């Protein structure tokens, strides 16, 4: 049996194909082994997303980082992450470098020094949740025009 792509990606692609979405690029991506996906996904993913009418934001770009931060914000609001987990992930990924998430990095620092300050966990959690709402409501960056799939 072939060494399939990473579990979440492989099962996610299977779900997409079962749901009736079928494009040439999606079929190629779904057929990739884990080893192939490690190398080929960077070339295949933008094409597949374009075929599906979705926008691809390179992860290292400011737009990509902001989109990822907004996705994490939606996860905390959905109850999938605690406020502490959320700030830790944001701080770990972006440090104090991404202006959109600077306050969250500062709040992560505040969690680390709770015993030396005058704030409570509940107070910081409340501010983190407010920041998550702000991020989730942040307008999405408009996609750059792309050629329509033929």
N, C-alpha and C. Protein backbone atom coordinates (compact mmCIF):
# COMPACT_ATOMS: atom_id res chain seq x y z
N UNK A 1 0.84 -1.18 0.00
CA UNK A 1 0.00 0.00 0.00
C UNK A 1 0.88 1.24 0.00
N UNK A 2 0.47 2.26 -0.71
CA UNK A 2 1.25 3.49 -0.83
C UNK A 2 1.29 4.25 0.47
N UNK A 3 2.38 4.99 0.69
CA UNK A 3 2.52 5.87 1.84
C UNK A 3 1.75 7.15 1.53
N UNK A 4 0.54 7.25 2.01
CA UNK A 4 -0.36 8.35 1.67
C UNK A 4 0.08 9.66 2.31
N UNK A 5 -0.45 10.76 1.80
CA UNK A 5 -0.16 12.08 2.34
C UNK A 5 -0.59 12.15 3.80
N UNK A 6 -0.11 13.15 4.49
CA UNK A 6 -0.37 13.31 5.92
C UNK A 6 -1.85 13.11 6.22
N UNK A 7 -2.16 12.39 7.30
CA UNK A 7 -3.52 12.00 7.66
C UNK A 7 -4.59 13.05 7.41
N UNK A 8 -4.45 14.24 7.98
CA UNK A 8 -5.47 15.27 7.83
C UNK A 8 -5.63 15.71 6.40
N UNK A 9 -4.52 15.86 5.70
CA UNK A 9 -4.59 16.29 4.30
C UNK A 9 -5.23 15.20 3.46
N UNK A 10 -4.79 13.96 3.64
CA UNK A 10 -5.30 12.85 2.85
C UNK A 10 -6.79 12.67 3.08
N UNK A 11 -7.23 12.61 4.33
CA UNK A 11 -8.65 12.40 4.59
C UNK A 11 -9.45 13.63 4.16
N UNK A 12 -8.87 14.81 4.30
CA UNK A 12 -9.56 16.03 3.86
C UNK A 12 -9.75 16.03 2.35
N UNK A 13 -8.74 15.63 1.61
CA UNK A 13 -8.86 15.55 0.16
C UNK A 13 -9.89 14.50 -0.23
N UNK A 14 -9.88 13.39 0.46
CA UNK A 14 -10.88 12.35 0.20
C UNK A 14 -12.28 12.92 0.39
N UNK A 15 -12.49 13.66 1.49
CA UNK A 15 -13.80 14.26 1.76
C UNK A 15 -14.20 15.24 0.66
N UNK A 16 -13.24 16.00 0.16
CA UNK A 16 -13.52 16.98 -0.90
C UNK A 16 -13.93 16.25 -2.18
N UNK A 17 -13.21 15.21 -2.51
CA UNK A 17 -13.54 14.45 -3.72
C UNK A 17 -14.89 13.75 -3.57
N UNK A 18 -15.17 13.18 -2.40
CA UNK A 18 -16.46 12.52 -2.17
C UNK A 18 -17.60 13.53 -2.26
N UNK A 19 -17.33 14.78 -1.85
CA UNK A 19 -18.35 15.83 -1.89
C UNK A 19 -18.65 16.27 -3.32
N UNK A 20 -17.86 15.78 -4.28
CA UNK A 20 -18.15 16.09 -5.68
C UNK A 20 -17.26 17.15 -6.29
N UNK A 21 -16.33 17.71 -5.51
CA UNK A 21 -15.39 18.67 -6.10
C UNK A 21 -14.30 17.88 -6.78
N UNK A 22 -14.08 18.17 -8.04
CA UNK A 22 -13.11 17.39 -8.81
C UNK A 22 -12.47 18.30 -9.84
N UNK A 23 -11.18 18.52 -9.66
CA UNK A 23 -10.41 19.28 -10.64
C UNK A 23 -9.15 18.49 -10.96
N UNK A 24 -8.51 18.78 -12.08
CA UNK A 24 -7.28 18.04 -12.41
C UNK A 24 -6.22 18.18 -11.31
N UNK A 25 -6.01 19.40 -10.83
CA UNK A 25 -4.99 19.61 -9.80
C UNK A 25 -5.33 18.90 -8.50
N UNK A 26 -6.61 18.89 -8.14
CA UNK A 26 -7.04 18.22 -6.92
C UNK A 26 -6.78 16.72 -7.01
N UNK A 27 -7.02 16.13 -8.18
CA UNK A 27 -6.75 14.70 -8.37
C UNK A 27 -5.27 14.41 -8.22
N UNK A 28 -4.42 15.28 -8.79
CA UNK A 28 -2.97 15.08 -8.68
C UNK A 28 -2.53 15.19 -7.23
N UNK A 29 -3.04 16.19 -6.52
CA UNK A 29 -2.69 16.37 -5.12
C UNK A 29 -3.16 15.19 -4.28
N UNK A 30 -4.36 14.70 -4.53
CA UNK A 30 -4.90 13.57 -3.77
C UNK A 30 -4.09 12.30 -4.02
N UNK A 31 -3.47 12.18 -5.17
CA UNK A 31 -2.70 10.98 -5.50
C UNK A 31 -1.28 11.01 -4.95
N UNK A 32 -0.85 12.15 -4.41
CA UNK A 32 0.52 12.26 -3.90
C UNK A 32 0.74 11.38 -2.68
N UNK A 33 1.92 10.77 -2.62
CA UNK A 33 2.34 10.08 -1.42
C UNK A 33 2.84 11.13 -0.43
N UNK A 34 3.07 10.73 0.80
CA UNK A 34 3.58 11.67 1.81
C UNK A 34 4.90 12.28 1.34
N UNK A 35 5.80 11.47 0.83
CA UNK A 35 7.09 11.98 0.37
C UNK A 35 6.92 12.96 -0.79
N UNK A 36 6.05 12.63 -1.72
CA UNK A 36 5.79 13.53 -2.85
C UNK A 36 5.15 14.83 -2.38
N UNK A 37 4.21 14.72 -1.44
CA UNK A 37 3.49 15.90 -0.96
C UNK A 37 4.45 16.89 -0.31
N UNK A 38 5.46 16.38 0.43
CA UNK A 38 6.44 17.26 1.08
C UNK A 38 7.12 18.18 0.07
N UNK A 39 7.34 17.67 -1.13
CA UNK A 39 8.03 18.45 -2.14
C UNK A 39 7.08 19.14 -3.12
N UNK A 40 6.00 18.47 -3.48
CA UNK A 40 5.13 18.96 -4.54
C UNK A 40 4.02 19.90 -4.08
N UNK A 41 3.68 19.86 -2.80
CA UNK A 41 2.52 20.64 -2.36
C UNK A 41 2.70 22.13 -2.59
N UNK A 42 3.93 22.62 -2.51
CA UNK A 42 4.18 24.05 -2.71
C UNK A 42 3.84 24.50 -4.13
N UNK A 43 3.99 23.60 -5.08
CA UNK A 43 3.63 23.92 -6.46
C UNK A 43 2.16 23.61 -6.75
N UNK A 44 1.66 22.53 -6.16
CA UNK A 44 0.30 22.08 -6.46
C UNK A 44 -0.78 22.88 -5.76
N UNK A 45 -0.55 23.27 -4.52
CA UNK A 45 -1.60 23.90 -3.74
C UNK A 45 -2.14 25.19 -4.36
N UNK A 46 -1.29 26.13 -4.80
CA UNK A 46 -1.85 27.34 -5.42
C UNK A 46 -2.73 27.02 -6.62
N UNK A 47 -2.31 26.05 -7.44
CA UNK A 47 -3.09 25.67 -8.62
C UNK A 47 -4.43 25.07 -8.21
N UNK A 48 -4.43 24.18 -7.22
CA UNK A 48 -5.66 23.54 -6.76
C UNK A 48 -6.62 24.58 -6.19
N UNK A 49 -6.11 25.48 -5.35
CA UNK A 49 -6.97 26.50 -4.77
C UNK A 49 -7.56 27.40 -5.85
N UNK A 50 -6.77 27.74 -6.84
CA UNK A 50 -7.27 28.55 -7.95
C UNK A 50 -8.38 27.82 -8.70
N UNK A 51 -8.18 26.53 -8.95
CA UNK A 51 -9.21 25.74 -9.63
C UNK A 51 -10.52 25.71 -8.84
N UNK A 52 -10.41 25.78 -7.51
CA UNK A 52 -11.60 25.74 -6.66
C UNK A 52 -12.16 27.13 -6.38
N UNK A 53 -11.52 28.15 -6.96
CA UNK A 53 -11.99 29.52 -6.76
C UNK A 53 -11.60 30.11 -5.42
N UNK A 54 -10.56 29.55 -4.81
CA UNK A 54 -10.09 30.02 -3.51
C UNK A 54 -8.79 30.80 -3.68
N UNK A 55 -8.49 31.64 -2.71
CA UNK A 55 -7.28 32.45 -2.76
C UNK A 55 -6.16 31.77 -1.99
N UNK A 56 -4.97 31.76 -2.55
CA UNK A 56 -3.80 31.22 -1.89
C UNK A 56 -2.96 32.38 -1.36
N UNK A 57 -2.67 32.35 -0.07
CA UNK A 57 -1.78 33.33 0.55
C UNK A 57 -0.52 32.60 0.99
N UNK A 58 0.64 32.92 0.41
CA UNK A 58 1.88 32.28 0.87
C UNK A 58 2.05 32.50 2.37
N UNK A 59 2.34 31.42 3.10
CA UNK A 59 2.40 31.46 4.55
C UNK A 59 3.40 32.49 5.07
N UNK A 60 4.51 32.64 4.41
CA UNK A 60 5.55 33.57 4.87
C UNK A 60 5.20 35.03 4.59
N UNK A 61 4.21 35.29 3.77
CA UNK A 61 3.84 36.67 3.44
C UNK A 61 3.06 37.29 4.60
N UNK A 62 3.05 38.61 4.67
CA UNK A 62 2.26 39.30 5.70
C UNK A 62 0.79 38.91 5.58
N UNK A 63 0.28 38.88 4.37
CA UNK A 63 -1.12 38.52 4.15
C UNK A 63 -1.39 37.10 4.62
N UNK A 64 -0.47 36.18 4.33
CA UNK A 64 -0.63 34.80 4.77
C UNK A 64 -0.59 34.67 6.28
N UNK A 65 0.34 35.39 6.92
CA UNK A 65 0.43 35.34 8.38
C UNK A 65 -0.82 35.92 9.02
N UNK A 66 -1.33 37.00 8.47
CA UNK A 66 -2.55 37.61 9.02
C UNK A 66 -3.75 36.69 8.83
N UNK A 67 -3.83 36.02 7.69
CA UNK A 67 -4.93 35.08 7.45
C UNK A 67 -4.85 33.91 8.44
N UNK A 68 -3.64 33.42 8.71
CA UNK A 68 -3.46 32.33 9.67
C UNK A 68 -3.83 32.79 11.08
N UNK A 69 -3.46 34.01 11.45
CA UNK A 69 -3.81 34.54 12.77
C UNK A 69 -5.33 34.68 12.91
N UNK A 70 -5.99 35.13 11.85
CA UNK A 70 -7.46 35.25 11.89
C UNK A 70 -8.12 33.87 12.01
N UNK A 71 -7.52 32.87 11.35
CA UNK A 71 -8.06 31.51 11.46
C UNK A 71 -7.91 30.99 12.89
N UNK A 72 -6.78 31.26 13.53
CA UNK A 72 -6.61 30.88 14.93
C UNK A 72 -7.60 31.61 15.82
N UNK A 73 -7.85 32.88 15.53
CA UNK A 73 -8.82 33.66 16.31
C UNK A 73 -10.20 33.03 16.23
N UNK A 74 -10.57 32.57 15.05
CA UNK A 74 -11.88 31.92 14.91
C UNK A 74 -11.94 30.61 15.71
N UNK A 75 -10.79 29.95 15.85
CA UNK A 75 -10.75 28.69 16.62
C UNK A 75 -10.97 28.95 18.11
N UNK A 76 -10.41 30.03 18.64
CA UNK A 76 -10.66 30.31 20.06
C UNK A 76 -12.12 30.68 20.26
N UNK A 77 -12.68 31.45 19.35
CA UNK A 77 -14.08 31.85 19.48
C UNK A 77 -15.03 30.66 19.34
N UNK A 78 -14.59 29.62 18.64
CA UNK A 78 -15.38 28.40 18.49
C UNK A 78 -15.16 27.44 19.67
N UNK A 79 -14.29 27.82 20.60
CA UNK A 79 -14.03 26.99 21.77
C UNK A 79 -13.03 25.88 21.54
N UNK A 80 -12.30 25.93 20.43
CA UNK A 80 -11.32 24.89 20.11
C UNK A 80 -9.97 25.14 20.78
N UNK A 81 -9.71 26.37 21.20
CA UNK A 81 -8.47 26.74 21.89
C UNK A 81 -8.82 27.54 23.13
N UNK A 82 -8.00 27.41 24.17
CA UNK A 82 -8.16 28.28 25.33
C UNK A 82 -7.46 29.61 25.02
N UNK A 83 -7.80 30.67 25.75
CA UNK A 83 -7.10 31.93 25.53
C UNK A 83 -5.59 31.79 25.68
N UNK A 84 -5.14 31.02 26.67
CA UNK A 84 -3.70 30.83 26.89
C UNK A 84 -3.06 30.11 25.71
N UNK A 85 -3.71 29.06 25.20
CA UNK A 85 -3.17 28.33 24.04
C UNK A 85 -3.08 29.25 22.83
N UNK A 86 -4.11 30.06 22.65
CA UNK A 86 -4.16 30.99 21.52
C UNK A 86 -2.99 31.97 21.57
N UNK A 87 -2.79 32.63 22.72
CA UNK A 87 -1.69 33.61 22.80
C UNK A 87 -0.34 32.93 22.65
N UNK A 88 -0.21 31.73 23.21
CA UNK A 88 1.06 31.00 23.10
C UNK A 88 1.38 30.71 21.63
N UNK A 89 0.39 30.22 20.90
CA UNK A 89 0.61 29.90 19.48
C UNK A 89 0.95 31.15 18.67
N UNK A 90 0.21 32.22 18.90
CA UNK A 90 0.48 33.47 18.19
C UNK A 90 1.89 33.97 18.51
N UNK A 91 2.24 33.99 19.78
CA UNK A 91 3.55 34.47 20.21
C UNK A 91 4.66 33.60 19.65
N UNK A 92 4.46 32.29 19.68
CA UNK A 92 5.46 31.35 19.17
C UNK A 92 5.67 31.52 17.67
N UNK A 93 4.60 31.73 16.92
CA UNK A 93 4.71 31.84 15.46
C UNK A 93 5.22 33.19 14.99
N UNK A 94 4.76 34.27 15.63
CA UNK A 94 5.03 35.61 15.11
C UNK A 94 5.83 36.50 16.04
N UNK A 95 6.07 36.05 17.28
CA UNK A 95 6.79 36.88 18.23
C UNK A 95 6.07 38.22 18.40
N UNK A 96 6.86 39.27 18.42
CA UNK A 96 6.29 40.62 18.52
C UNK A 96 6.43 41.34 17.18
N UNK A 97 6.61 40.58 16.10
CA UNK A 97 6.92 41.14 14.79
C UNK A 97 5.72 41.47 13.93
N UNK A 98 4.59 40.81 14.14
CA UNK A 98 3.42 41.02 13.30
C UNK A 98 2.51 42.05 13.97
N UNK A 99 2.40 43.25 13.40
CA UNK A 99 1.62 44.31 14.04
C UNK A 99 0.19 43.89 14.40
N UNK A 100 -0.44 43.08 13.57
CA UNK A 100 -1.81 42.66 13.81
C UNK A 100 -1.95 41.88 15.12
N UNK A 101 -0.91 41.17 15.52
CA UNK A 101 -0.99 40.30 16.70
C UNK A 101 -0.08 40.75 17.84
N UNK A 102 0.47 41.94 17.76
CA UNK A 102 1.40 42.43 18.79
C UNK A 102 0.77 42.37 20.18
N UNK A 103 -0.47 42.82 20.33
CA UNK A 103 -1.10 42.82 21.66
C UNK A 103 -1.24 41.41 22.20
N UNK A 104 -1.49 40.44 21.36
CA UNK A 104 -1.61 39.06 21.81
C UNK A 104 -0.26 38.53 22.32
N UNK A 105 0.83 38.90 21.68
CA UNK A 105 2.15 38.51 22.16
C UNK A 105 2.41 39.14 23.53
N UNK A 106 2.00 40.39 23.71
CA UNK A 106 2.15 41.05 25.01
C UNK A 106 1.32 40.34 26.08
N UNK A 107 0.10 39.92 25.71
CA UNK A 107 -0.75 39.21 26.66
C UNK A 107 -0.17 37.86 27.02
N UNK A 108 0.49 37.19 26.07
CA UNK A 108 1.17 35.93 26.37
C UNK A 108 2.26 36.18 27.40
N UNK A 109 2.98 37.28 27.26
CA UNK A 109 4.00 37.63 28.26
C UNK A 109 3.36 37.86 29.63
N UNK A 110 2.17 38.47 29.65
CA UNK A 110 1.48 38.72 30.91
C UNK A 110 1.09 37.42 31.61
N UNK A 111 0.68 36.41 30.84
CA UNK A 111 0.39 35.11 31.45
C UNK A 111 1.62 34.59 32.19
N UNK A 112 2.79 34.80 31.59
CA UNK A 112 4.02 34.27 32.17
C UNK A 112 4.40 34.93 33.50
N UNK A 113 3.91 36.14 33.75
CA UNK A 113 4.29 36.85 34.97
C UNK A 113 3.08 37.14 35.87
N UNK A 114 2.05 36.33 35.75
CA UNK A 114 0.83 36.55 36.53
C UNK A 114 1.09 36.68 38.04
N UNK A 115 1.95 35.83 38.58
CA UNK A 115 2.17 35.84 40.03
C UNK A 115 2.87 37.11 40.51
N UNK A 116 3.45 37.87 39.59
CA UNK A 116 4.15 39.10 39.95
C UNK A 116 3.34 40.36 39.64
N UNK A 117 2.18 40.19 39.06
CA UNK A 117 1.37 41.35 38.66
C UNK A 117 0.10 41.47 39.47
N UNK A 118 -0.73 42.41 39.07
CA UNK A 118 -1.98 42.64 39.78
C UNK A 118 -3.21 42.22 38.97
N UNK A 119 -2.99 41.52 37.87
CA UNK A 119 -4.10 41.05 37.04
C UNK A 119 -4.37 39.59 37.31
N UNK A 120 -5.60 39.17 37.00
CA UNK A 120 -5.98 37.76 37.17
C UNK A 120 -6.02 37.07 35.81
N UNK A 121 -6.05 35.76 35.85
CA UNK A 121 -6.17 34.97 34.62
C UNK A 121 -7.45 35.36 33.90
N UNK A 122 -8.54 35.51 34.63
CA UNK A 122 -9.82 35.87 34.01
C UNK A 122 -9.75 37.21 33.30
N UNK A 123 -9.03 38.17 33.87
CA UNK A 123 -8.90 39.48 33.22
C UNK A 123 -8.12 39.36 31.91
N UNK A 124 -7.05 38.61 31.95
CA UNK A 124 -6.25 38.44 30.72
C UNK A 124 -7.03 37.63 29.70
N UNK A 125 -7.71 36.57 30.15
CA UNK A 125 -8.54 35.77 29.25
C UNK A 125 -9.57 36.66 28.54
N UNK A 126 -10.18 37.57 29.29
CA UNK A 126 -11.17 38.47 28.70
C UNK A 126 -10.58 39.37 27.64
N UNK A 127 -9.38 39.88 27.89
CA UNK A 127 -8.73 40.74 26.90
C UNK A 127 -8.31 39.94 25.67
N UNK A 128 -7.84 38.70 25.90
CA UNK A 128 -7.47 37.83 24.78
C UNK A 128 -8.69 37.54 23.91
N UNK A 129 -9.82 37.25 24.54
CA UNK A 129 -11.04 36.97 23.78
C UNK A 129 -11.48 38.19 22.99
N UNK A 130 -11.35 39.38 23.58
CA UNK A 130 -11.69 40.61 22.86
C UNK A 130 -10.77 40.79 21.65
N UNK A 131 -9.49 40.51 21.83
CA UNK A 131 -8.54 40.60 20.71
C UNK A 131 -8.89 39.58 19.64
N UNK A 132 -9.30 38.38 20.04
CA UNK A 132 -9.69 37.35 19.07
C UNK A 132 -10.90 37.82 18.26
N UNK A 133 -11.84 38.45 18.92
CA UNK A 133 -13.02 38.98 18.20
C UNK A 133 -12.59 40.06 17.21
N UNK A 134 -11.67 40.92 17.63
CA UNK A 134 -11.17 41.97 16.74
C UNK A 134 -10.50 41.35 15.51
N UNK A 135 -9.67 40.34 15.73
CA UNK A 135 -8.99 39.67 14.61
C UNK A 135 -9.99 38.99 13.68
N UNK A 136 -10.93 38.27 14.27
CA UNK A 136 -11.90 37.53 13.46
C UNK A 136 -12.77 38.49 12.64
N UNK A 137 -12.99 39.68 13.15
CA UNK A 137 -13.81 40.67 12.44
C UNK A 137 -12.99 41.51 11.48
N UNK A 138 -11.67 41.40 11.56
CA UNK A 138 -10.77 42.18 10.70
C UNK A 138 -11.11 41.89 9.25
N UNK A 139 -11.26 42.91 8.44
CA UNK A 139 -11.61 42.66 7.04
C UNK A 139 -10.56 41.79 6.35
N UNK A 140 -11.06 40.88 5.57
CA UNK A 140 -10.15 40.02 4.80
C UNK A 140 -9.46 40.85 3.73
N UNK A 141 -8.23 40.51 3.48
CA UNK A 141 -7.47 41.20 2.45
C UNK A 141 -8.02 40.78 1.10
N UNK A 142 -8.34 41.76 0.23
CA UNK A 142 -8.87 41.38 -1.07
C UNK A 142 -7.85 40.59 -1.88
N UNK A 143 -8.35 39.61 -2.57
CA UNK A 143 -7.48 38.78 -3.41
C UNK A 143 -7.02 39.59 -4.62
N UNK A 144 -5.79 39.32 -5.01
CA UNK A 144 -5.29 39.95 -6.22
C UNK A 144 -5.98 39.29 -7.40
N UNK A 145 -6.24 40.07 -8.45
CA UNK A 145 -6.91 39.46 -9.61
C UNK A 145 -6.09 38.30 -10.16
N UNK A 146 -6.77 37.24 -10.48
CA UNK A 146 -6.12 36.08 -11.11
C UNK A 146 -6.89 35.75 -12.38
N UNK A 147 -6.22 35.06 -13.26
CA UNK A 147 -6.90 34.61 -14.46
C UNK A 147 -7.93 33.56 -14.08
N UNK A 148 -9.08 33.63 -14.67
CA UNK A 148 -10.11 32.62 -14.41
C UNK A 148 -9.67 31.29 -14.96
N UNK A 149 -9.97 30.19 -14.24
CA UNK A 149 -9.60 28.88 -14.76
C UNK A 149 -10.29 28.64 -16.10
N UNK A 150 -9.58 27.97 -16.99
CA UNK A 150 -10.18 27.71 -18.30
C UNK A 150 -10.73 26.32 -18.40
